[in-house]
N, C-alpha and C. Protein backbone atom coordinates (compact mmCIF):
# COMPACT_ATOMS: atom_id res chain seq x y z
N MET A 1 -33.49 125.24 172.75
CA MET A 1 -33.17 126.19 171.69
C MET A 1 -33.04 125.42 170.38
N PRO A 2 -33.72 125.85 169.33
CA PRO A 2 -33.61 125.14 168.06
C PRO A 2 -32.19 125.25 167.50
N GLU A 3 -31.83 124.25 166.69
CA GLU A 3 -30.51 124.29 166.08
C GLU A 3 -30.39 125.48 165.14
N LEU A 4 -29.19 126.06 165.13
CA LEU A 4 -28.91 127.19 164.26
C LEU A 4 -27.82 126.80 163.28
N ASN A 5 -27.90 127.31 162.06
CA ASN A 5 -26.77 127.11 161.17
C ASN A 5 -25.70 128.12 161.55
N GLU A 6 -24.56 128.03 160.90
CA GLU A 6 -23.42 128.87 161.27
C GLU A 6 -23.73 130.36 161.17
N LEU A 7 -24.40 130.77 160.10
CA LEU A 7 -24.69 132.19 159.91
C LEU A 7 -25.73 132.69 160.91
N ASP A 8 -26.72 131.87 161.22
CA ASP A 8 -27.70 132.24 162.24
C ASP A 8 -27.03 132.40 163.60
N MET A 9 -26.11 131.46 163.91
CA MET A 9 -25.40 131.52 165.18
C MET A 9 -24.54 132.79 165.25
N LEU A 10 -23.88 133.13 164.15
CA LEU A 10 -23.06 134.34 164.10
C LEU A 10 -23.93 135.58 164.35
N LEU A 11 -25.07 135.63 163.74
CA LEU A 11 -25.98 136.77 163.92
C LEU A 11 -26.43 136.88 165.38
N GLU A 12 -26.82 135.76 165.98
CA GLU A 12 -27.25 135.77 167.38
C GLU A 12 -26.10 136.17 168.31
N LEU A 13 -24.92 135.66 168.03
CA LEU A 13 -23.75 135.98 168.86
C LEU A 13 -23.42 137.46 168.82
N THR A 14 -23.40 138.04 167.63
CA THR A 14 -23.04 139.45 167.51
C THR A 14 -24.17 140.38 167.99
N ARG A 15 -25.38 139.89 168.01
CA ARG A 15 -26.48 140.68 168.59
C ARG A 15 -26.40 140.69 170.11
N GLU A 16 -26.12 139.53 170.68
CA GLU A 16 -26.08 139.38 172.13
C GLU A 16 -24.82 140.01 172.74
N PHE A 17 -23.69 139.86 172.05
CA PHE A 17 -22.42 140.35 172.54
C PHE A 17 -21.84 141.31 171.50
N LEU A 18 -22.15 142.58 171.66
CA LEU A 18 -21.81 143.57 170.65
C LEU A 18 -20.32 143.69 170.38
N HIS A 19 -19.49 143.38 171.37
CA HIS A 19 -18.05 143.52 171.21
C HIS A 19 -17.37 142.18 170.89
N ALA A 20 -18.15 141.17 170.53
CA ALA A 20 -17.56 139.87 170.21
C ALA A 20 -16.63 139.99 169.02
N LYS A 21 -15.49 139.33 169.11
CA LYS A 21 -14.52 139.30 168.02
C LYS A 21 -14.63 137.94 167.37
N VAL A 22 -15.28 137.87 166.23
CA VAL A 22 -15.53 136.61 165.55
C VAL A 22 -14.61 136.48 164.34
N ILE A 23 -13.95 135.35 164.25
CA ILE A 23 -13.16 135.00 163.08
C ILE A 23 -13.87 133.80 162.46
N ALA A 24 -14.43 133.98 161.27
CA ALA A 24 -15.20 132.92 160.61
C ALA A 24 -14.28 132.10 159.71
N ILE A 25 -14.46 130.79 159.75
CA ILE A 25 -13.68 129.87 158.93
C ILE A 25 -14.66 128.96 158.21
N SER A 26 -14.45 128.80 156.89
CA SER A 26 -15.33 127.95 156.11
C SER A 26 -14.50 126.93 155.33
N GLY A 27 -15.03 125.72 155.30
CA GLY A 27 -14.39 124.68 154.52
C GLY A 27 -15.21 124.33 153.29
N ALA A 28 -16.30 125.03 153.10
CA ALA A 28 -17.17 124.76 151.95
C ALA A 28 -16.44 125.12 150.66
N GLY A 29 -16.32 124.19 149.78
CA GLY A 29 -15.59 124.41 148.54
C GLY A 29 -16.18 125.52 147.69
N GLY A 30 -15.40 126.53 147.43
CA GLY A 30 -15.83 127.61 146.56
C GLY A 30 -16.93 128.48 147.12
N GLU A 31 -17.18 128.37 148.42
CA GLU A 31 -18.28 129.12 149.04
C GLU A 31 -17.80 130.45 149.62
N LYS A 32 -17.10 131.23 148.84
CA LYS A 32 -16.64 132.55 149.29
C LYS A 32 -17.84 133.39 149.73
N ASN A 33 -19.00 133.17 149.10
CA ASN A 33 -20.20 133.92 149.44
C ASN A 33 -20.57 133.78 150.92
N VAL A 34 -20.38 132.59 151.49
CA VAL A 34 -20.70 132.37 152.91
C VAL A 34 -19.83 133.27 153.77
N LEU A 35 -18.57 133.40 153.42
CA LEU A 35 -17.67 134.25 154.20
C LEU A 35 -18.00 135.73 154.02
N ASP A 36 -18.45 136.10 152.83
CA ASP A 36 -18.89 137.48 152.62
C ASP A 36 -20.09 137.80 153.49
N VAL A 37 -21.03 136.88 153.58
CA VAL A 37 -22.21 137.07 154.43
C VAL A 37 -21.79 137.11 155.89
N ALA A 38 -20.83 136.25 156.27
CA ALA A 38 -20.34 136.25 157.65
C ALA A 38 -19.78 137.61 158.02
N LYS A 39 -19.05 138.24 157.11
CA LYS A 39 -18.53 139.59 157.38
C LYS A 39 -19.68 140.58 157.56
N LEU A 40 -20.70 140.47 156.74
CA LEU A 40 -21.85 141.37 156.87
C LEU A 40 -22.57 141.17 158.21
N LEU A 41 -22.50 139.97 158.74
CA LEU A 41 -23.19 139.66 160.01
C LEU A 41 -22.31 139.91 161.23
N GLY A 42 -21.08 140.37 161.01
CA GLY A 42 -20.28 140.75 162.17
C GLY A 42 -18.94 140.07 162.33
N ALA A 43 -18.59 139.13 161.46
CA ALA A 43 -17.26 138.51 161.57
C ALA A 43 -16.20 139.56 161.28
N ARG A 44 -15.21 139.63 162.14
CA ARG A 44 -14.14 140.62 161.96
C ARG A 44 -13.19 140.21 160.85
N GLN A 45 -12.91 138.92 160.78
CA GLN A 45 -12.01 138.39 159.76
C GLN A 45 -12.55 137.04 159.31
N THR A 46 -12.16 136.63 158.09
CA THR A 46 -12.63 135.35 157.56
C THR A 46 -11.46 134.59 156.94
N PHE A 47 -11.58 133.28 156.97
CA PHE A 47 -10.58 132.40 156.36
C PHE A 47 -11.28 131.27 155.63
N GLN A 48 -10.79 130.98 154.45
CA GLN A 48 -11.24 129.82 153.67
C GLN A 48 -10.25 128.68 153.92
N LYS A 49 -10.75 127.49 154.21
CA LYS A 49 -9.86 126.34 154.36
C LYS A 49 -9.36 125.91 152.99
N PRO A 50 -8.16 125.47 152.87
CA PRO A 50 -7.12 125.44 153.91
C PRO A 50 -6.54 126.83 154.11
N PHE A 51 -6.10 127.09 155.33
CA PHE A 51 -5.47 128.37 155.66
C PHE A 51 -4.20 128.06 156.42
N SER A 52 -3.33 129.06 156.52
CA SER A 52 -2.07 128.82 157.23
C SER A 52 -2.25 129.16 158.71
N MET A 53 -1.61 128.39 159.54
CA MET A 53 -1.68 128.64 160.98
C MET A 53 -1.09 130.01 161.34
N PRO A 54 0.02 130.44 160.72
CA PRO A 54 0.52 131.78 161.03
C PRO A 54 -0.50 132.88 160.70
N ASP A 55 -1.25 132.72 159.61
CA ASP A 55 -2.28 133.71 159.27
C ASP A 55 -3.38 133.75 160.32
N LEU A 56 -3.83 132.56 160.77
CA LEU A 56 -4.88 132.50 161.78
C LEU A 56 -4.38 133.08 163.10
N LEU A 57 -3.19 132.71 163.50
CA LEU A 57 -2.63 133.24 164.75
C LEU A 57 -2.45 134.75 164.67
N GLY A 58 -2.06 135.24 163.50
CA GLY A 58 -1.95 136.69 163.31
C GLY A 58 -3.29 137.39 163.47
N ALA A 59 -4.35 136.77 162.95
CA ALA A 59 -5.69 137.34 163.08
C ALA A 59 -6.14 137.35 164.53
N VAL A 60 -5.89 136.26 165.25
CA VAL A 60 -6.26 136.19 166.67
C VAL A 60 -5.47 137.24 167.45
N ARG A 61 -4.18 137.31 167.18
CA ARG A 61 -3.34 138.30 167.87
C ARG A 61 -3.85 139.72 167.61
N TYR A 62 -4.18 140.02 166.36
CA TYR A 62 -4.69 141.35 166.01
C TYR A 62 -5.96 141.67 166.78
N GLU A 63 -6.90 140.74 166.80
CA GLU A 63 -8.17 140.98 167.48
C GLU A 63 -7.98 141.15 168.98
N LEU A 64 -7.08 140.38 169.57
CA LEU A 64 -6.81 140.53 171.00
C LEU A 64 -6.15 141.87 171.31
N GLU A 65 -5.27 142.31 170.43
CA GLU A 65 -4.60 143.59 170.65
C GLU A 65 -5.55 144.77 170.49
N HIS A 66 -6.64 144.57 169.75
CA HIS A 66 -7.58 145.66 169.48
C HIS A 66 -8.93 145.47 170.16
N CYS A 67 -8.96 144.69 171.23
CA CYS A 67 -10.23 144.45 171.90
C CYS A 67 -10.49 145.52 172.95
N ILE A 68 -11.75 145.68 173.24
CA ILE A 68 -12.19 146.61 174.28
C ILE A 68 -12.42 145.79 175.54
N LEU A 69 -11.66 146.08 176.58
CA LEU A 69 -11.87 145.37 177.83
C LEU A 69 -13.07 145.97 178.55
N LEU A 70 -14.03 145.12 178.84
CA LEU A 70 -15.24 145.59 179.51
C LEU A 70 -15.11 145.50 181.02
N ILE A 71 -14.06 144.81 181.49
CA ILE A 71 -13.75 144.76 182.91
C ILE A 71 -12.28 145.11 183.07
N PRO A 72 -11.86 145.55 184.25
CA PRO A 72 -10.46 145.88 184.45
C PRO A 72 -9.55 144.69 184.16
N LEU A 73 -8.38 144.96 183.63
CA LEU A 73 -7.45 143.90 183.24
C LEU A 73 -7.11 142.98 184.41
N ASP A 74 -6.87 143.53 185.62
CA ASP A 74 -6.55 142.70 186.77
C ASP A 74 -7.67 141.71 187.06
N GLN A 75 -8.89 142.17 186.93
CA GLN A 75 -10.03 141.30 187.19
C GLN A 75 -10.12 140.22 186.11
N ALA A 76 -9.84 140.57 184.89
CA ALA A 76 -9.90 139.60 183.80
C ALA A 76 -8.83 138.52 183.99
N LEU A 77 -7.65 138.92 184.42
CA LEU A 77 -6.54 137.98 184.55
C LEU A 77 -6.60 137.16 185.83
N HIS A 78 -7.11 137.74 186.91
CA HIS A 78 -7.05 137.07 188.20
C HIS A 78 -8.41 136.76 188.81
N GLY A 79 -9.46 137.14 188.13
CA GLY A 79 -10.79 136.86 188.64
C GLY A 79 -11.11 137.58 189.94
N VAL A 80 -10.50 138.74 190.11
CA VAL A 80 -10.71 139.52 191.35
C VAL A 80 -11.99 140.31 191.26
């Protein structure tokens, strides 16, 4: 598979896994545009570095609380 840049990878991921919860993080200085494009390609939330750990954990918590389980919870937790 040829190498993909971050935005190409995001596009492929959200095409293949429609319910993927992607949180995009960029460290590119002043590159807010990259994060805007990431949102257009399916990122649920975005963060520019530096970011606070409580903010990131809050975003992860939010996405987990609002996810659609495609398999029963018992199976997800216990591999049954």
